[in-house]
Amino acid sequence: MNGPPRVPAANRRLSPRAALRRQATVVIADQSFTAETCDVSREGIGFIAPRPISPGRRCDITFVLPISGEERPFTATVKVSHSTYLARERFQIGASFIAPAADAAAAIDAFLGTP
């Protein structure tokens, strides 16, 4: 065996994430489709899409955040980091928020219960 033993990769997330199962709309260029959110953090979002999205691709995602008993619309531009096949018409997408507006970042913090 050459070199040091393999060590599992560390969790690359910089902040806590929370489960969030909501319908979402994803817009890429002039096309839109329905997706389902899985989880959200201050840095990004995971969602299930009916088709793959290439890493590096930018898109807009809109969904509703439940905050203090209210349903607040949330829209952000994201950059896809990975797209994993799960089953027919089900792809796990991981994406990072691109320069979220202050109010969007505050909404995520309120949802996560972070200051």
C-alpha atoms as a PDB file:
ATOM      1  CA  MET A   1       0.000   0.000   0.000  1.00  0.00           C
ATOM      2  CA  ASN A   2       1.450   3.362  -1.017  1.00  0.00           C
ATOM      3  CA  GLY A   3       0.891   6.629   0.813  1.00  0.00           C
ATOM      4  CA  PRO A   4      -1.132   7.361   3.933  1.00  0.00           C
ATOM      5  CA  PRO A   5      -4.431   5.588   4.608  1.00  0.00           C
ATOM      6  CA  ARG A   6      -7.546   7.207   3.154  1.00  0.00           C
ATOM      7  CA  VAL A   7      -9.466   9.375   5.568  1.00  0.00           C
ATOM      8  CA  PRO A   8     -13.181  10.050   4.959  1.00  0.00           C
ATOM      9  CA  ALA A   9     -13.893  13.566   3.725  1.00  0.00           C
ATOM     10  CA  ALA A  10     -15.059  15.997   6.372  1.00  0.00           C
ATOM     11  CA  ASN A  11     -18.499  17.534   6.253  1.00  0.00           C
ATOM     12  CA  ARG A  12     -18.012  20.599   4.062  1.00  0.00           C
ATOM     13  CA  ARG A  13     -21.047  22.481   5.363  1.00  0.00           C
ATOM     14  CA  LEU A  14     -20.175  25.727   7.081  1.00  0.00           C
ATOM     15  CA  SER A  15     -23.433  26.181   8.978  1.00  0.00           C
ATOM     16  CA  PRO A  16     -26.297  24.103  10.344  1.00  0.00           C
ATOM     17  CA  ARG A  17     -28.999  22.908   8.006  1.00  0.00           C
ATOM     18  CA  ALA A  18     -32.629  22.106   8.701  1.00  0.00           C
ATOM     19  CA  ALA A  19     -35.080  19.814   6.966  1.00  0.00           C
ATOM     20  CA  LEU A  20     -37.602  21.647   4.832  1.00  0.00           C
ATOM     21  CA  ARG A  21     -40.106  19.739   2.699  1.00  0.00           C
ATOM     22  CA  ARG A  22     -41.839  22.249   0.465  1.00  0.00           C
ATOM     23  CA  GLN A  23     -42.837  22.516  -3.155  1.00  0.00           C
ATOM     24  CA  ALA A  24     -40.536  24.836  -5.080  1.00  0.00           C
ATOM     25  CA  THR A  25     -40.287  26.319  -8.536  1.00  0.00           C
ATOM     26  CA  VAL A  26     -36.922  26.232 -10.284  1.00  0.00           C
ATOM     27  CA  VAL A  27     -36.243  28.552 -13.230  1.00  0.00           C
ATOM     28  CA  ILE A  28     -33.328  27.983 -15.594  1.00  0.00           C
ATOM     29  CA  ALA A  29     -33.131  30.483 -18.453  1.00  0.00           C
ATOM     30  CA  ASP A  30     -36.665  30.487 -19.902  1.00  0.00           C
ATOM     31  CA  GLN A  31     -37.726  27.084 -18.517  1.00  0.00           C
ATOM     32  CA  SER A  32     -39.333  26.336 -15.164  1.00  0.00           C
ATOM     33  CA  PHE A  33     -40.272  23.144 -13.358  1.00  0.00           C
ATOM     34  CA  THR A  34     -41.544  22.008  -9.985  1.00  0.00           C
ATOM     35  CA  ALA A  35     -39.135  20.595  -7.408  1.00  0.00           C
ATOM     36  CA  GLU A  36     -39.266  19.635  -3.725  1.00  0.00           C
ATOM     37  CA  THR A  37     -36.957  21.156  -1.141  1.00  0.00           C
ATOM     38  CA  CYS A  38     -35.123  18.796   1.233  1.00  0.00           C
ATOM     39  CA  ASP A  39     -33.044  21.006   3.492  1.00  0.00           C
ATOM     40  CA  VAL A  40     -31.738  24.542   3.783  1.00  0.00           C
ATOM     41  CA  SER A  41     -28.810  26.289   5.449  1.00  0.00           C
ATOM     42  CA  ARG A  42     -27.440  29.818   5.390  1.00  0.00           C
ATOM     43  CA  GLU A  43     -25.149  28.790   2.510  1.00  0.00           C
ATOM     44  CA  GLY A  44     -27.501  26.787   0.312  1.00  0.00           C
ATOM     45  CA  ILE A  45     -30.292  24.348  -0.336  1.00  0.00           C
ATOM     46  CA  GLY A  46     -30.880  20.725  -1.250  1.00  0.00           C
ATOM     47  CA  PHE A  47     -33.818  19.793  -3.435  1.00  0.00           C
ATOM     48  CA  ILE A  48     -35.242  16.997  -5.571  1.00  0.00           C
ATOM     49  CA  ALA A  49     -35.720  17.825  -9.257  1.00  0.00           C
ATOM     50  CA  PRO A  50     -37.311  15.831 -12.087  1.00  0.00           C
ATOM     51  CA  ARG A  51     -34.175  16.231 -14.213  1.00  0.00           C
ATOM     52  CA  PRO A  52     -30.463  16.694 -13.625  1.00  0.00           C
ATOM     53  CA  ILE A  53     -28.917  20.141 -13.439  1.00  0.00           C
ATOM     54  CA  SER A  54     -25.261  20.447 -14.394  1.00  0.00           C
ATOM     55  CA  PRO A  55     -22.831  21.510 -11.673  1.00  0.00           C
ATOM     56  CA  GLY A  56     -21.922  25.163 -12.089  1.00  0.00           C
ATOM     57  CA  ARG A  57     -25.326  25.993 -13.580  1.00  0.00           C
ATOM     58  CA  ARG A  58     -27.130  28.976 -12.076  1.00  0.00           C
ATOM     59  CA  CYS A  59     -30.868  28.988 -11.533  1.00  0.00           C
ATOM     60  CA  ASP A  60     -33.533  30.683  -9.447  1.00  0.00           C
ATOM     61  CA  ILE A  61     -35.526  28.788  -6.843  1.00  0.00           C
ATOM     62  CA  THR A  62     -38.727  29.987  -5.181  1.00  0.00           C
ATOM     63  CA  PHE A  63     -40.415  28.351  -2.205  1.00  0.00           C
ATOM     64  CA  VAL A  64     -42.168  29.246   1.047  1.00  0.00           C
ATOM     65  CA  LEU A  65     -40.379  29.430   4.398  1.00  0.00           C
ATOM     66  CA  PRO A  66     -42.449  28.825   7.544  1.00  0.00           C
ATOM     67  CA  ILE A  67     -41.309  31.507  10.004  1.00  0.00           C
ATOM     68  CA  SER A  68     -43.056  32.167  13.318  1.00  0.00           C
ATOM     69  CA  GLY A  69     -46.332  30.715  12.083  1.00  0.00           C
ATOM     70  CA  GLU A  70     -46.243  32.692   8.839  1.00  0.00           C
ATOM     71  CA  GLU A  71     -45.611  31.476   5.296  1.00  0.00           C
ATOM     72  CA  ARG A  72     -42.995  33.769   3.730  1.00  0.00           C
ATOM     73  CA  PRO A  73     -42.178  33.573   0.006  1.00  0.00           C
ATOM     74  CA  PHE A  74     -38.456  33.146  -0.645  1.00  0.00           C
ATOM     75  CA  THR A  75     -36.602  33.468  -3.945  1.00  0.00           C
ATOM     76  CA  ALA A  76     -32.875  33.104  -4.454  1.00  0.00           C
ATOM     77  CA  THR A  77     -30.343  32.589  -7.210  1.00  0.00           C
ATOM     78  CA  VAL A  78     -28.257  29.473  -6.650  1.00  0.00           C
ATOM     79  CA  LYS A  79     -25.266  27.762  -8.212  1.00  0.00           C
ATOM     80  CA  VAL A  80     -25.548  23.979  -8.468  1.00  0.00           C
ATOM     81  CA  SER A  81     -22.715  22.050  -6.821  1.00  0.00           C
ATOM     82  CA  HIS A  82     -23.917  18.502  -7.476  1.00  0.00           C
ATOM     83  CA  SER A  83     -26.682  16.509  -9.140  1.00  0.00           C
ATOM     84  CA  THR A  84     -27.173  12.870  -8.143  1.00  0.00           C
ATOM     85  CA  TYR A  85     -29.515  10.360  -9.778  1.00  0.00           C
ATOM     86  CA  LEU A  86     -31.930   8.822  -7.251  1.00  0.00           C
ATOM     87  CA  ALA A  87     -34.649   7.254  -9.401  1.00  0.00           C
ATOM     88  CA  ARG A  88     -36.570   7.940 -12.580  1.00  0.00           C
ATOM     89  CA  GLU A  89     -37.275  11.701 -12.703  1.00  0.00           C
ATOM     90  CA  ARG A  90     -35.723  12.200  -9.224  1.00  0.00           C
ATOM     91  CA  PHE A  91     -32.360  13.900  -8.920  1.00  0.00           C
ATOM     92  CA  GLN A  92     -30.864  15.178  -5.655  1.00  0.00           C
ATOM     93  CA  ILE A  93     -29.535  18.677  -6.299  1.00  0.00           C
ATOM     94  CA  GLY A  94     -27.205  20.572  -3.958  1.00  0.00           C
ATOM     95  CA  ALA A  95     -26.815  24.283  -4.567  1.00  0.00           C
ATOM     96  CA  SER A  96     -25.223  27.335  -2.953  1.00  0.00           C
ATOM     97  CA  PHE A  97     -26.944  30.678  -2.608  1.00  0.00           C
ATOM     98  CA  ILE A  98     -25.287  33.368  -4.715  1.00  0.00           C
ATOM     99  CA  ALA A  99     -24.971  36.660  -2.835  1.00  0.00           C
ATOM    100  CA  PRO A 100     -28.361  36.476  -1.126  1.00  0.00           C
ATOM    101  CA  ALA A 101     -30.039  39.796  -0.375  1.00  0.00           C
ATOM    102  CA  ALA A 102     -29.960  40.877   3.273  1.00  0.00           C
ATOM    103  CA  ASP A 103     -33.675  40.159   3.696  1.00  0.00           C
ATOM    104  CA  ALA A 104     -33.256  36.654   2.220  1.00  0.00           C
ATOM    105  CA  ALA A 105     -30.351  35.885   4.567  1.00  0.00           C
ATOM    106  CA  ALA A 106     -32.405  37.212   7.501  1.00  0.00           C
ATOM    107  CA  ALA A 107     -35.341  34.972   6.500  1.00  0.00           C
ATOM    108  CA  ILE A 108     -33.087  31.898   6.439  1.00  0.00           C
ATOM    109  CA  ASP A 109     -31.634  32.859   9.841  1.00  0.00           C
ATOM    110  CA  ALA A 110     -35.149  33.289  11.252  1.00  0.00           C
ATOM    111  CA  PHE A 111     -36.178  29.884   9.883  1.00  0.00           C
ATOM    112  CA  LEU A 112     -33.050  28.227  11.314  1.00  0.00           C
ATOM    113  CA  GLY A 113     -33.423  30.078  14.629  1.00  0.00           C
ATOM    114  CA  THR A 114     -29.944  31.568  14.377  1.00  0.00           C
ATOM    115  CA  PRO A 115     -29.040  35.159  15.268  1.00  0.00           C
END
